[in-house]
PDB file of N, CA and C in Angstrom:
ATOM      1  N   UNK A   1      25.005   1.058 -33.786  1.00  0.00           N
ATOM      2  CA  UNK A   1      24.104   2.133 -33.445  1.00  0.00           C
ATOM      3  C   UNK A   1      22.676   1.611 -33.520  1.00  0.00           C
ATOM      4  N   UNK A   2      21.886   1.852 -32.442  1.00  0.00           N
ATOM      5  CA  UNK A   2      20.519   1.343 -32.452  1.00  0.00           C
ATOM      6  C   UNK A   2      19.655   2.097 -33.462  1.00  0.00           C
ATOM      7  N   UNK A   3      18.700   1.368 -34.019  1.00  0.00           N
ATOM      8  CA  UNK A   3      17.817   1.973 -35.008  1.00  0.00           C
ATOM      9  C   UNK A   3      16.766   2.871 -34.376  1.00  0.00           C
ATOM     10  N   UNK A   4      16.406   2.604 -33.121  1.00  0.00           N
ATOM     11  CA  UNK A   4      15.418   3.437 -32.439  1.00  0.00           C
ATOM     12  C   UNK A   4      16.107   4.180 -31.303  1.00  0.00           C
ATOM     13  N   UNK A   5      15.688   5.426 -31.063  1.00  0.00           N
ATOM     14  CA  UNK A   5      16.313   6.167 -29.964  1.00  0.00           C
ATOM     15  C   UNK A   5      15.911   5.562 -28.616  1.00  0.00           C
ATOM     16  N   UNK A   6      16.814   5.640 -27.666  1.00  0.00           N
ATOM     17  CA  UNK A   6      16.554   5.132 -26.331  1.00  0.00           C
ATOM     18  C   UNK A   6      15.823   6.188 -25.521  1.00  0.00           C
ATOM     19  N   UNK A   7      14.790   5.769 -24.845  1.00  0.00           N
ATOM     20  CA  UNK A   7      14.004   6.657 -23.998  1.00  0.00           C
ATOM     21  C   UNK A   7      14.167   6.220 -22.551  1.00  0.00           C
ATOM     22  N   UNK A   8      14.069   7.152 -21.630  1.00  0.00           N
ATOM     23  CA  UNK A   8      14.153   6.749 -20.221  1.00  0.00           C
ATOM     24  C   UNK A   8      12.935   5.895 -19.848  1.00  0.00           C
ATOM     25  N   UNK A   9      13.123   5.034 -18.889  1.00  0.00           N
ATOM     26  CA  UNK A   9      12.029   4.175 -18.432  1.00  0.00           C
ATOM     27  C   UNK A   9      10.959   5.007 -17.749  1.00  0.00           C
ATOM     28  N   UNK A  10       9.697   4.689 -17.976  1.00  0.00           N
ATOM     29  CA  UNK A  10       8.638   5.427 -17.279  1.00  0.00           C
ATOM     30  C   UNK A  10       8.616   5.034 -15.810  1.00  0.00           C
ATOM     31  N   UNK A  11       8.040   5.880 -14.976  1.00  0.00           N
ATOM     32  CA  UNK A  11       7.955   5.518 -13.556  1.00  0.00           C
ATOM     33  C   UNK A  11       7.031   4.308 -13.388  1.00  0.00           C
ATOM     34  N   UNK A  12       7.224   3.527 -12.336  1.00  0.00           N
ATOM     35  CA  UNK A  12       6.376   2.354 -12.135  1.00  0.00           C
ATOM     36  C   UNK A  12       4.931   2.767 -11.847  1.00  0.00           C
ATOM     37  N   UNK A  13       4.003   1.948 -12.299  1.00  0.00           N
ATOM     38  CA  UNK A  13       2.590   2.219 -12.061  1.00  0.00           C
ATOM     39  C   UNK A  13       2.237   1.872 -10.623  1.00  0.00           C
ATOM     40  N   UNK A  14       1.383   2.667 -10.048  1.00  0.00           N
ATOM     41  CA  UNK A  14       0.902   2.392  -8.704  1.00  0.00           C
ATOM     42  C   UNK A  14      -0.360   1.547  -8.818  1.00  0.00           C
ATOM     43  N   UNK A  15      -0.426   0.488  -8.059  1.00  0.00           N
ATOM     44  CA  UNK A  15      -1.595  -0.386  -8.047  1.00  0.00           C
ATOM     45  C   UNK A  15      -2.070  -0.537  -6.607  1.00  0.00           C
ATOM     46  N   UNK A  16      -3.294  -0.955  -6.457  1.00  0.00           N
ATOM     47  CA  UNK A  16      -3.825  -1.209  -5.124  1.00  0.00           C
ATOM     48  C   UNK A  16      -3.446  -2.634  -4.729  1.00  0.00           C
ATOM     49  N   UNK A  17      -2.221  -2.785  -4.244  1.00  0.00           N
ATOM     50  CA  UNK A  17      -1.694  -4.100  -3.916  1.00  0.00           C
ATOM     51  C   UNK A  17      -2.500  -4.789  -2.821  1.00  0.00           C
ATOM     52  N   UNK A  18      -3.008  -4.025  -1.889  1.00  0.00           N
ATOM     53  CA  UNK A  18      -3.770  -4.619  -0.783  1.00  0.00           C
ATOM     54  C   UNK A  18      -5.032  -5.285  -1.328  1.00  0.00           C
ATOM     55  N   UNK A  19      -5.719  -4.629  -2.255  1.00  0.00           N
ATOM     56  CA  UNK A  19      -6.931  -5.208  -2.827  1.00  0.00           C
ATOM     57  C   UNK A  19      -6.615  -6.439  -3.672  1.00  0.00           C
ATOM     58  N   UNK A  20      -5.527  -6.382  -4.421  1.00  0.00           N
ATOM     59  CA  UNK A  20      -5.153  -7.512  -5.268  1.00  0.00           C
ATOM     60  C   UNK A  20      -4.801  -8.729  -4.422  1.00  0.00           C
ATOM     61  N   UNK A  21      -3.950  -8.545  -3.425  1.00  0.00           N
ATOM     62  CA  UNK A  21      -3.556  -9.662  -2.564  1.00  0.00           C
ATOM     63  C   UNK A  21      -4.743 -10.135  -1.729  1.00  0.00           C
ATOM     64  N   UNK A  22      -5.571  -9.209  -1.273  1.00  0.00           N
ATOM     65  CA  UNK A  22      -6.763  -9.591  -0.508  1.00  0.00           C
ATOM     66  C   UNK A  22      -7.723 -10.419  -1.340  1.00  0.00           C
ATOM     67  N   UNK A  23      -7.916 -10.031  -2.596  1.00  0.00           N
ATOM     68  CA  UNK A  23      -8.784 -10.806  -3.478  1.00  0.00           C
ATOM     69  C   UNK A  23      -8.250 -12.206  -3.731  1.00  0.00           C
ATOM     70  N   UNK A  24      -6.957 -12.314  -3.952  1.00  0.00           N
ATOM     71  CA  UNK A  24      -6.352 -13.628  -4.147  1.00  0.00           C
ATOM     72  C   UNK A  24      -6.453 -14.494  -2.913  1.00  0.00           C
ATOM     73  N   UNK A  25      -6.282 -13.890  -1.756  1.00  0.00           N
ATOM     74  CA  UNK A  25      -6.378 -14.625  -0.498  1.00  0.00           C
ATOM     75  C   UNK A  25      -7.793 -15.170  -0.298  1.00  0.00           C
ATOM     76  N   UNK A  26      -8.778 -14.336  -0.594  1.00  0.00           N
ATOM     77  CA  UNK A  26     -10.168 -14.783  -0.480  1.00  0.00           C
ATOM     78  C   UNK A  26     -10.425 -15.952  -1.432  1.00  0.00           C
ATOM     79  N   UNK A  27      -9.900 -15.867  -2.638  1.00  0.00           N
ATOM     80  CA  UNK A  27     -10.091 -16.955  -3.602  1.00  0.00           C
ATOM     81  C   UNK A  27      -9.465 -18.267  -3.109  1.00  0.00           C
ATOM     82  N   UNK A  28      -8.292 -18.203  -2.478  1.00  0.00           N
ATOM     83  CA  UNK A  28      -7.676 -19.412  -1.936  1.00  0.00           C
ATOM     84  C   UNK A  28      -8.549 -20.026  -0.844  1.00  0.00           C
ATOM     85  N   UNK A  29      -9.099 -19.186   0.042  1.00  0.00           N
ATOM     86  CA  UNK A  29      -9.949 -19.716   1.107  1.00  0.00           C
ATOM     87  C   UNK A  29     -11.265 -20.273   0.554  1.00  0.00           C
ATOM     88  N   UNK A  30     -11.829 -19.617  -0.462  1.00  0.00           N
ATOM     89  CA  UNK A  30     -13.048 -20.133  -1.087  1.00  0.00           C
ATOM     90  C   UNK A  30     -12.769 -21.483  -1.740  1.00  0.00           C
ATOM     91  N   UNK A  31     -11.630 -21.614  -2.415  1.00  0.00           N
ATOM     92  CA  UNK A  31     -11.270 -22.897  -3.030  1.00  0.00           C
ATOM     93  C   UNK A  31     -11.106 -23.980  -1.966  1.00  0.00           C
ATOM     94  N   UNK A  32     -10.514 -23.618  -0.832  1.00  0.00           N
ATOM     95  CA  UNK A  32     -10.368 -24.587   0.264  1.00  0.00           C
ATOM     96  C   UNK A  32     -11.733 -25.062   0.738  1.00  0.00           C
ATOM     97  N   UNK A  33     -12.646 -24.116   0.971  1.00  0.00           N
ATOM     98  CA  UNK A  33     -13.979 -24.488   1.444  1.00  0.00           C
ATOM     99  C   UNK A  33     -14.758 -25.277   0.398  1.00  0.00           C
ATOM    100  N   UNK A  34     -14.534 -24.976  -0.881  1.00  0.00           N
ATOM    101  CA  UNK A  34     -15.224 -25.706  -1.944  1.00  0.00           C
ATOM    102  C   UNK A  34     -14.696 -27.132  -2.084  1.00  0.00           C
ATOM    103  N   UNK A  35     -13.427 -27.357  -1.846  1.00  0.00           N
ATOM    104  CA  UNK A  35     -12.833 -28.685  -1.999  1.00  0.00           C
ATOM    105  C   UNK A  35     -12.969 -29.550  -0.750  1.00  0.00           C
ATOM    106  N   UNK A  36     -13.166 -28.939   0.389  1.00  0.00           N
ATOM    107  CA  UNK A  36     -13.202 -29.688   1.639  1.00  0.00           C
ATOM    108  C   UNK A  36     -14.269 -30.785   1.662  1.00  0.00           C
ATOM    109  N   UNK A  37     -15.500 -30.552   1.163  1.00  0.00           N
ATOM    110  CA  UNK A  37     -16.483 -31.650   1.181  1.00  0.00           C
ATOM    111  C   UNK A  37     -16.102 -32.832   0.291  1.00  0.00           C
ATOM    112  N   UNK A  38     -15.234 -32.620  -0.662  1.00  0.00           N
ATOM    113  CA  UNK A  38     -14.839 -33.668  -1.595  1.00  0.00           C
ATOM    114  C   UNK A  38     -13.498 -34.305  -1.220  1.00  0.00           C
ATOM    115  N   UNK A  39     -13.084 -34.156   0.025  1.00  0.00           N
ATOM    116  CA  UNK A  39     -11.795 -34.670   0.470  1.00  0.00           C
ATOM    117  C   UNK A  39     -11.669 -36.174   0.235  1.00  0.00           C
ATOM    118  N   UNK A  40     -12.719 -36.932   0.508  1.00  0.00           N
ATOM    119  CA  UNK A  40     -12.663 -38.386   0.324  1.00  0.00           C
ATOM    120  C   UNK A  40     -12.493 -38.763  -1.144  1.00  0.00           C
ATOM    121  N   UNK A  41     -13.262 -38.126  -2.019  1.00  0.00           N
ATOM    122  CA  UNK A  41     -13.159 -38.404  -3.450  1.00  0.00           C
ATOM    123  C   UNK A  41     -11.806 -37.984  -3.991  1.00  0.00           C
ATOM    124  N   UNK A  42     -11.333 -36.833  -3.561  1.00  0.00           N
ATOM    125  CA  UNK A  42     -10.028 -36.362  -4.020  1.00  0.00           C
ATOM    126  C   UNK A  42      -8.919 -37.311  -3.564  1.00  0.00           C
ATOM    127  N   UNK A  43      -9.005 -37.783  -2.329  1.00  0.00           N
ATOM    128  CA  UNK A  43      -7.988 -38.714  -1.814  1.00  0.00           C
ATOM    129  C   UNK A  43      -8.014 -40.033  -2.581  1.00  0.00           C
ATOM    130  N   UNK A  44      -9.217 -40.485  -2.946  1.00  0.00           N
ATOM    131  CA  UNK A  44      -9.336 -41.744  -3.686  1.00  0.00           C
ATOM    132  C   UNK A  44      -8.704 -41.653  -5.070  1.00  0.00           C
ATOM    133  N   UNK A  45      -8.679 -40.462  -5.619  1.00  0.00           N
ATOM    134  CA  UNK A  45      -8.107 -40.266  -6.955  1.00  0.00           C
ATOM    135  C   UNK A  45      -6.688 -39.687  -6.913  1.00  0.00           C
ATOM    136  N   UNK A  46      -6.098 -39.647  -5.737  1.00  0.00           N
ATOM    137  CA  UNK A  46      -4.708 -39.202  -5.623  1.00  0.00           C
ATOM    138  C   UNK A  46      -4.519 -37.695  -5.549  1.00  0.00           C
ATOM    139  N   UNK A  47      -5.604 -36.966  -5.227  1.00  0.00           N
ATOM    140  CA  UNK A  47      -5.498 -35.499  -5.135  1.00  0.00           C
ATOM    141  C   UNK A  47      -5.918 -34.998  -3.749  1.00  0.00           C
ATOM    142  N   UNK A  48      -5.634 -35.781  -2.736  1.00  0.00           N
ATOM    143  CA  UNK A  48      -6.053 -35.438  -1.381  1.00  0.00           C
ATOM    144  C   UNK A  48      -5.366 -34.215  -0.804  1.00  0.00           C
ATOM    145  N   UNK A  49      -4.291 -33.767  -1.425  1.00  0.00           N
ATOM    146  CA  UNK A  49      -3.583 -32.592  -0.906  1.00  0.00           C
ATOM    147  C   UNK A  49      -4.160 -31.263  -1.425  1.00  0.00           C
ATOM    148  N   UNK A  50      -5.040 -31.310  -2.401  1.00  0.00           N
ATOM    149  CA  UNK A  50      -5.543 -30.066  -2.995  1.00  0.00           C
ATOM    150  C   UNK A  50      -6.182 -29.119  -1.979  1.00  0.00           C
ATOM    151  N   UNK A  51      -7.066 -29.586  -1.093  1.00  0.00           N
ATOM    152  CA  UNK A  51      -7.638 -28.634  -0.126  1.00  0.00           C
ATOM    153  C   UNK A  51      -6.571 -28.002   0.771  1.00  0.00           C
ATOM    154  N   UNK A  52      -5.570 -28.790   1.140  1.00  0.00           N
ATOM    155  CA  UNK A  52      -4.534 -28.277   2.036  1.00  0.00           C
ATOM    156  C   UNK A  52      -3.600 -27.316   1.305  1.00  0.00           C
ATOM    157  N   UNK A  53      -3.437 -27.516   0.022  1.00  0.00           N
ATOM    158  CA  UNK A  53      -2.678 -26.550  -0.777  1.00  0.00           C
ATOM    159  C   UNK A  53      -3.424 -25.218  -0.814  1.00  0.00           C
ATOM    160  N   UNK A  54      -4.758 -25.293  -0.973  1.00  0.00           N
ATOM    161  CA  UNK A  54      -5.563 -24.064  -0.980  1.00  0.00           C
ATOM    162  C   UNK A  54      -5.510 -23.365   0.383  1.00  0.00           C
ATOM    163  N   UNK A  55      -5.569 -24.150   1.446  1.00  0.00           N
ATOM    164  CA  UNK A  55      -5.469 -23.557   2.784  1.00  0.00           C
ATOM    165  C   UNK A  55      -4.109 -22.883   2.962  1.00  0.00           C
ATOM    166  N   UNK A  56      -3.051 -23.546   2.508  1.00  0.00           N
ATOM    167  CA  UNK A  56      -1.714 -22.947   2.595  1.00  0.00           C
ATOM    168  C   UNK A  56      -1.639 -21.653   1.791  1.00  0.00           C
ATOM    169  N   UNK A  57      -2.245 -21.647   0.598  1.00  0.00           N
ATOM    170  CA  UNK A  57      -2.270 -20.429  -0.209  1.00  0.00           C
ATOM    171  C   UNK A  57      -2.989 -19.298   0.501  1.00  0.00           C
ATOM    172  N   UNK A  58      -4.089 -19.616   1.180  1.00  0.00           N
ATOM    173  CA  UNK A  58      -4.819 -18.594   1.930  1.00  0.00           C
ATOM    174  C   UNK A  58      -4.015 -18.054   3.098  1.00  0.00           C
ATOM    175  N   UNK A  59      -3.341 -18.943   3.808  1.00  0.00           N
ATOM    176  CA  UNK A  59      -2.529 -18.498   4.951  1.00  0.00           C
ATOM    177  C   UNK A  59      -1.335 -17.667   4.488  1.00  0.00           C
ATOM    178  N   UNK A  60      -0.706 -18.085   3.394  1.00  0.00           N
ATOM    179  CA  UNK A  60       0.388 -17.278   2.853  1.00  0.00           C
ATOM    180  C   UNK A  60      -0.130 -15.943   2.328  1.00  0.00           C
ATOM    181  N   UNK A  61      -1.355 -15.956   1.817  1.00  0.00           N
ATOM    182  CA  UNK A  61      -1.981 -14.710   1.385  1.00  0.00           C
ATOM    183  C   UNK A  61      -2.180 -13.736   2.544  1.00  0.00           C
ATOM    184  N   UNK A  62      -2.484 -14.259   3.734  1.00  0.00           N
ATOM    185  CA  UNK A  62      -2.607 -13.385   4.908  1.00  0.00           C
ATOM    186  C   UNK A  62      -1.270 -12.724   5.236  1.00  0.00           C
ATOM    187  N   UNK A  63      -0.188 -13.477   5.089  1.00  0.00           N
ATOM    188  CA  UNK A  63       1.143 -12.892   5.299  1.00  0.00           C
ATOM    189  C   UNK A  63       1.406 -11.824   4.246  1.00  0.00           C
ATOM    190  N   UNK A  64       1.054 -12.125   2.992  1.00  0.00           N
ATOM    191  CA  UNK A  64       1.216 -11.136   1.917  1.00  0.00           C
ATOM    192  C   UNK A  64       0.368  -9.905   2.143  1.00  0.00           C
ATOM    193  N   UNK A  65      -0.829 -10.090   2.669  1.00  0.00           N
ATOM    194  CA  UNK A  65      -1.707  -8.957   2.970  1.00  0.00           C
ATOM    195  C   UNK A  65      -1.094  -8.076   4.053  1.00  0.00           C
ATOM    196  N   UNK A  66      -0.538  -8.700   5.081  1.00  0.00           N
ATOM    197  CA  UNK A  66       0.134  -7.934   6.141  1.00  0.00           C
ATOM    198  C   UNK A  66       1.304  -7.144   5.547  1.00  0.00           C
ATOM    199  N   UNK A  67       2.091  -7.796   4.698  1.00  0.00           N
ATOM    200  CA  UNK A  67       3.240  -7.137   4.086  1.00  0.00           C
ATOM    201  C   UNK A  67       2.806  -5.957   3.216  1.00  0.00           C
ATOM    202  N   UNK A  68       1.789  -6.153   2.396  1.00  0.00           N
ATOM    203  CA  UNK A  68       1.337  -5.075   1.499  1.00  0.00           C
ATOM    204  C   UNK A  68       0.779  -3.891   2.279  1.00  0.00           C
ATOM    205  N   UNK A  69       0.075  -4.166   3.362  1.00  0.00           N
ATOM    206  CA  UNK A  69      -0.445  -3.062   4.184  1.00  0.00           C
ATOM    207  C   UNK A  69       0.701  -2.305   4.853  1.00  0.00           C
ATOM    208  N   UNK A  70       1.689  -3.031   5.353  1.00  0.00           N
ATOM    209  CA  UNK A  70       2.839  -2.371   5.980  1.00  0.00           C
ATOM    210  C   UNK A  70       3.604  -1.545   4.952  1.00  0.00           C
ATOM    211  N   UNK A  71       3.763  -2.070   3.740  1.00  0.00           N
ATOM    212  CA  UNK A  71       4.459  -1.349   2.671  1.00  0.00           C
ATOM    213  C   UNK A  71       3.683  -0.088   2.282  1.00  0.00           C
ATOM    214  N   UNK A  72       2.365  -0.215   2.124  1.00  0.00           N
ATOM    215  CA  UNK A  72       1.526   0.929   1.773  1.00  0.00           C
ATOM    216  C   UNK A  72       1.622   2.025   2.839  1.00  0.00           C
ATOM    217  N   UNK A  73       1.568   1.636   4.100  1.00  0.00           N
ATOM    218  CA  UNK A  73       1.659   2.609   5.188  1.00  0.00           C
ATOM    219  C   UNK A  73       3.031   3.256   5.242  1.00  0.00           C
ATOM    220  N   UNK A  74       4.089   2.490   4.985  1.00  0.00           N
ATOM    221  CA  UNK A  74       5.445   3.051   4.980  1.00  0.00           C
ATOM    222  C   UNK A  74       5.620   4.044   3.830  1.00  0.00           C
ATOM    223  N   UNK A  75       5.060   3.733   2.674  1.00  0.00           N
ATOM    224  CA  UNK A  75       5.133   4.662   1.542  1.00  0.00           C
ATOM    225  C   UNK A  75       4.388   5.948   1.874  1.00  0.00           C
ATOM    226  N   UNK A  76       3.224   5.827   2.494  1.00  0.00           N
ATOM    227  CA  UNK A  76       2.445   7.014   2.872  1.00  0.00           C
ATOM    228  C   UNK A  76       3.204   7.859   3.892  1.00  0.00           C
ATOM    229  N   UNK A  77       3.843   7.199   4.874  1.00  0.00           N
ATOM    230  CA  UNK A  77       4.627   7.955   5.856  1.00  0.00           C
ATOM    231  C   UNK A  77       5.800   8.661   5.192  1.00  0.00           C
ATOM    232  N   UNK A  78       6.455   7.987   4.256  1.00  0.00           N
ATOM    233  CA  UNK A  78       7.582   8.589   3.547  1.00  0.00           C
ATOM    234  C   UNK A  78       7.152   9.792   2.721  1.00  0.00           C
ATOM    235  N   UNK A  79       6.014   9.668   2.050  1.00  0.00           N
ATOM    236  CA  UNK A  79       5.513  10.802   1.262  1.00  0.00           C
ATOM    237  C   UNK A  79       5.117  11.966   2.159  1.00  0.00           C
ATOM    238  N   UNK A  80       4.512  11.672   3.310  1.00  0.00           N
ATOM    239  CA  UNK A  80       4.130  12.736   4.236  1.00  0.00           C
ATOM    240  C   UNK A  80       5.368  13.437   4.790  1.00  0.00           C
ATOM    241  N   UNK A  81       6.406  12.676   5.118  1.00  0.00           N
ATOM    242  CA  UNK A  81       7.641  13.275   5.624  1.00  0.00           C
ATOM    243  C   UNK A  81       8.309  14.113   4.536  1.00  0.00           C
ATOM    244  N   UNK A  82       8.275  13.623   3.308  1.00  0.00           N
ATOM    245  CA  UNK A  82       8.860  14.371   2.196  1.00  0.00           C
ATOM    246  C   UNK A  82       8.095  15.667   1.949  1.00  0.00           C
ATOM    247  N   UNK A  83       6.771  15.603   2.038  1.00  0.00           N
ATOM    248  CA  UNK A  83       5.958  16.806   1.852  1.00  0.00           C
ATOM    249  C   UNK A  83       6.200  17.805   2.984  1.00  0.00           C
ATOM    250  N   UNK A  84       6.342  17.304   4.208  1.00  0.00           N
ATOM    251  CA  UNK A  84       6.607  18.195   5.338  1.00  0.00           C
ATOM    252  C   UNK A  84       7.976  18.858   5.194  1.00  0.00           C
ATOM    253  N   UNK A  85       8.961  18.088   4.743  1.00  0.00           N
ATOM    254  CA  UNK A  85      10.293  18.661   4.541  1.00  0.00           C
ATOM    255  C   UNK A  85      10.275  19.681   3.412  1.00  0.00           C
ATOM    256  N   UNK A  86       9.518  19.387   2.368  1.00  0.00           N
ATOM    257  CA  UNK A  86       9.407  20.319   1.242  1.00  0.00           C
ATOM    258  C   UNK A  86       8.722  21.616   1.690  1.00  0.00           C
ATOM    259  N   UNK A  87       7.675  21.480   2.503  1.00  0.00           N
ATOM    260  CA  UNK A  87       6.962  22.655   3.011  1.00  0.00           C
ATOM    261  C   UNK A  87       7.868  23.469   3.935  1.00  0.00           C
ATOM    262  N   UNK A  88       8.623  22.799   4.799  1.00  0.00           N
ATOM    263  CA  UNK A  88       9.526  23.503   5.708  1.00  0.00           C
ATOM    264  C   UNK A  88      10.627  24.215   4.927  1.00  0.00           C
ATOM    265  N   UNK A  89      11.056  23.596   3.854  1.00  0.00           N
ATOM    266  CA  UNK A  89      12.095  24.209   3.015  1.00  0.00           C
ATOM    267  C   UNK A  89      11.583  25.488   2.371  1.00  0.00           C
ATOM    268  N   UNK A  90      10.346  25.463   1.901  1.00  0.00           N
ATOM    269  CA  UNK A  90       9.785  26.650   1.261  1.00  0.00           C
ATOM    270  C   UNK A  90       9.470  27.753   2.262  1.00  0.00           C
ATOM    271  N   UNK A  91       9.061  27.418   3.467  1.00  0.00           N
ATOM    272  CA  UNK A  91       8.783  28.455   4.458  1.00  0.00           C
ATOM    273  C   UNK A  91      10.079  29.072   4.966  1.00  0.00           C
ATOM    274  N   UNK A  92      11.169  28.310   4.975  1.00  0.00           N
ATOM    275  CA  UNK A  92      12.457  28.853   5.414  1.00  0.00           C
ATOM    276  C   UNK A  92      13.038  29.788   4.356  1.00  0.00           C
ATOM    277  N   UNK A  93      12.730  29.536   3.087  1.00  0.00           N
ATOM    278  CA  UNK A  93      13.264  30.362   2.011  1.00  0.00           C
ATOM    279  C   UNK A  93      12.462  31.636   1.795  1.00  0.00           C
ATOM    280  N   UNK A  94      11.231  31.694   2.283  1.00  0.00           N
ATOM    281  CA  UNK A  94      10.372  32.856   2.057  1.00  0.00           C
ATOM    282  C   UNK A  94      10.918  34.066   2.820  1.00  0.00           C
ATOM    283  N   UNK A  95      11.144  35.194   2.143  1.00  0.00           N
ATOM    284  CA  UNK A  95      11.648  36.378   2.841  1.00  0.00           C
ATOM    285  C   UNK A  95      10.577  36.966   3.747  1.00  0.00           C
ATOM    286  N   UNK A  96      11.034  37.559   4.823  1.00  0.00           N
ATOM    287  CA  UNK A  96      10.117  38.175   5.789  1.00  0.00           C
ATOM    288  C   UNK A  96       9.956  39.653   5.471  1.00  0.00           C
ATOM    289  N   UNK A  97       9.410  39.970   4.285  1.00  0.00           N
ATOM    290  CA  UNK A  97       9.221  41.359   3.887  1.00  0.00           C
ATOM    291  C   UNK A  97       8.085  42.001   4.665  1.00  0.00           C
ATOM    292  N   UNK A  98       7.037  41.244   4.833  1.00  0.00           N
ATOM    293  CA  UNK A  98       5.876  41.758   5.537  1.00  0.00           C
ATOM    294  C   UNK A  98       5.714  40.988   6.834  1.00  0.00           C
ATOM    295  N   UNK A  99       5.476  41.701   7.913  1.00  0.00           N
ATOM    296  CA  UNK A  99       5.251  40.968   9.158  1.00  0.00           C
ATOM    297  C   UNK A  99       3.979  40.133   9.040  1.00  0.00           C
ATOM    298  N   UNK A 100       3.999  39.020   9.705  1.00  0.00           N
ATOM    299  CA  UNK A 100       2.834  38.132   9.654  1.00  0.00           C
ATOM    300  C   UNK A 100       1.642  38.815  10.293  1.00  0.00           C
ATOM    301  N   UNK A 101       0.486  38.579   9.703  1.00  0.00           N
ATOM    302  CA  UNK A 101      -0.724  39.144  10.290  1.00  0.00           C
ATOM    303  C   UNK A 101      -0.997  38.427  11.598  1.00  0.00           C
ATOM    304  N   UNK A 102      -1.403  39.212  12.586  1.00  0.00           N
ATOM    305  CA  UNK A 102      -1.600  38.578  13.878  1.00  0.00           C
ATOM    306  C   UNK A 102      -3.009  38.033  14.026  1.00  0.00           C
ATOM    307  N   UNK A 103      -3.961  38.461  13.211  1.00  0.00           N
ATOM    308  CA  UNK A 103      -5.330  37.958  13.261  1.00  0.00           C
ATOM    309  C   UNK A 103      -5.885  37.947  14.687  1.00  0.00           C
ATOM    310  N   UNK A 104      -5.485  38.893  15.472  1.00  0.00           N
ATOM    311  CA  UNK A 104      -5.960  38.972  16.838  1.00  0.00           C
ATOM    312  C   UNK A 104      -5.299  37.987  17.781  1.00  0.00           C
ATOM    313  N   UNK A 105      -4.242  37.371  17.370  1.00  0.00           N
ATOM    314  CA  UNK A 105      -3.577  36.368  18.192  1.00  0.00           C
ATOM    315  C   UNK A 105      -2.522  36.983  19.103  1.00  0.00           C
ATOM    316  N   UNK A 106      -2.048  38.191  18.763  1.00  0.00           N
ATOM    317  CA  UNK A 106      -1.041  38.855  19.581  1.00  0.00           C
ATOM    318  C   UNK A 106      -1.740  39.392  20.837  1.00  0.00           C
ATOM    319  N   UNK A 107      -1.324  38.993  22.035  1.00  0.00           N
ATOM    320  CA  UNK A 107      -1.994  39.451  23.255  1.00  0.00           C
ATOM    321  C   UNK A 107      -1.912  40.959  23.442  1.00  0.00           C
ATOM    322  N   UNK A 108      -0.898  41.601  22.890  1.00  0.00           N
ATOM    323  CA  UNK A 108      -0.764  43.035  23.079  1.00  0.00           C
ATOM    324  C   UNK A 108      -1.797  43.803  22.258  1.00  0.00           C
ATOM    325  N   UNK A 109      -2.227  43.249  21.132  1.00  0.00           N
ATOM    326  CA  UNK A 109      -3.165  43.965  20.275  1.00  0.00           C
ATOM    327  C   UNK A 109      -4.557  43.346  20.272  1.00  0.00           C
ATOM    328  N   UNK A 110      -4.724  42.263  20.975  1.00  0.00           N
ATOM    329  CA  UNK A 110      -6.025  41.577  20.978  1.00  0.00           C
ATOM    330  C   UNK A 110      -6.986  42.301  21.918  1.00  0.00           C
ATOM    331  N   UNK A 111      -8.209  42.492  21.443  1.00  0.00           N
ATOM    332  CA  UNK A 111      -9.224  43.090  22.318  1.00  0.00           C
ATOM    333  C   UNK A 111     -10.180  41.992  22.732  1.00  0.00           C
ATOM    334  N   UNK A 112     -10.521  42.001  23.994  1.00  0.00           N
ATOM    335  CA  UNK A 112     -11.399  40.938  24.499  1.00  0.00           C
ATOM    336  C   UNK A 112     -12.839  41.299  24.389  1.00  0.00           C
TER     337      UNK A 112
END
């Protein structure tokens, strides 16, 4: 028997993934640009691949940025569809005790 009671897991935290991945991508490109002038010195000391590793990190970051934006948009679409379904469910359940107000929209009762 466990000494502490088990609690359900909390829901996952929402983070701004696009900003996080975008910031990392910018850092990779800045590192590439910072190392590029030192390519000769880096190659002489056996580290000539460092700028190209940074460039690869930046390019992969662009792919990650595309993925995070697509994921964010898909989550937003899913939430909007869920909210629309929830709203439609509540309007279908509402009893029609009182006729809807026409607010002058009914052509038979509208005065011009």
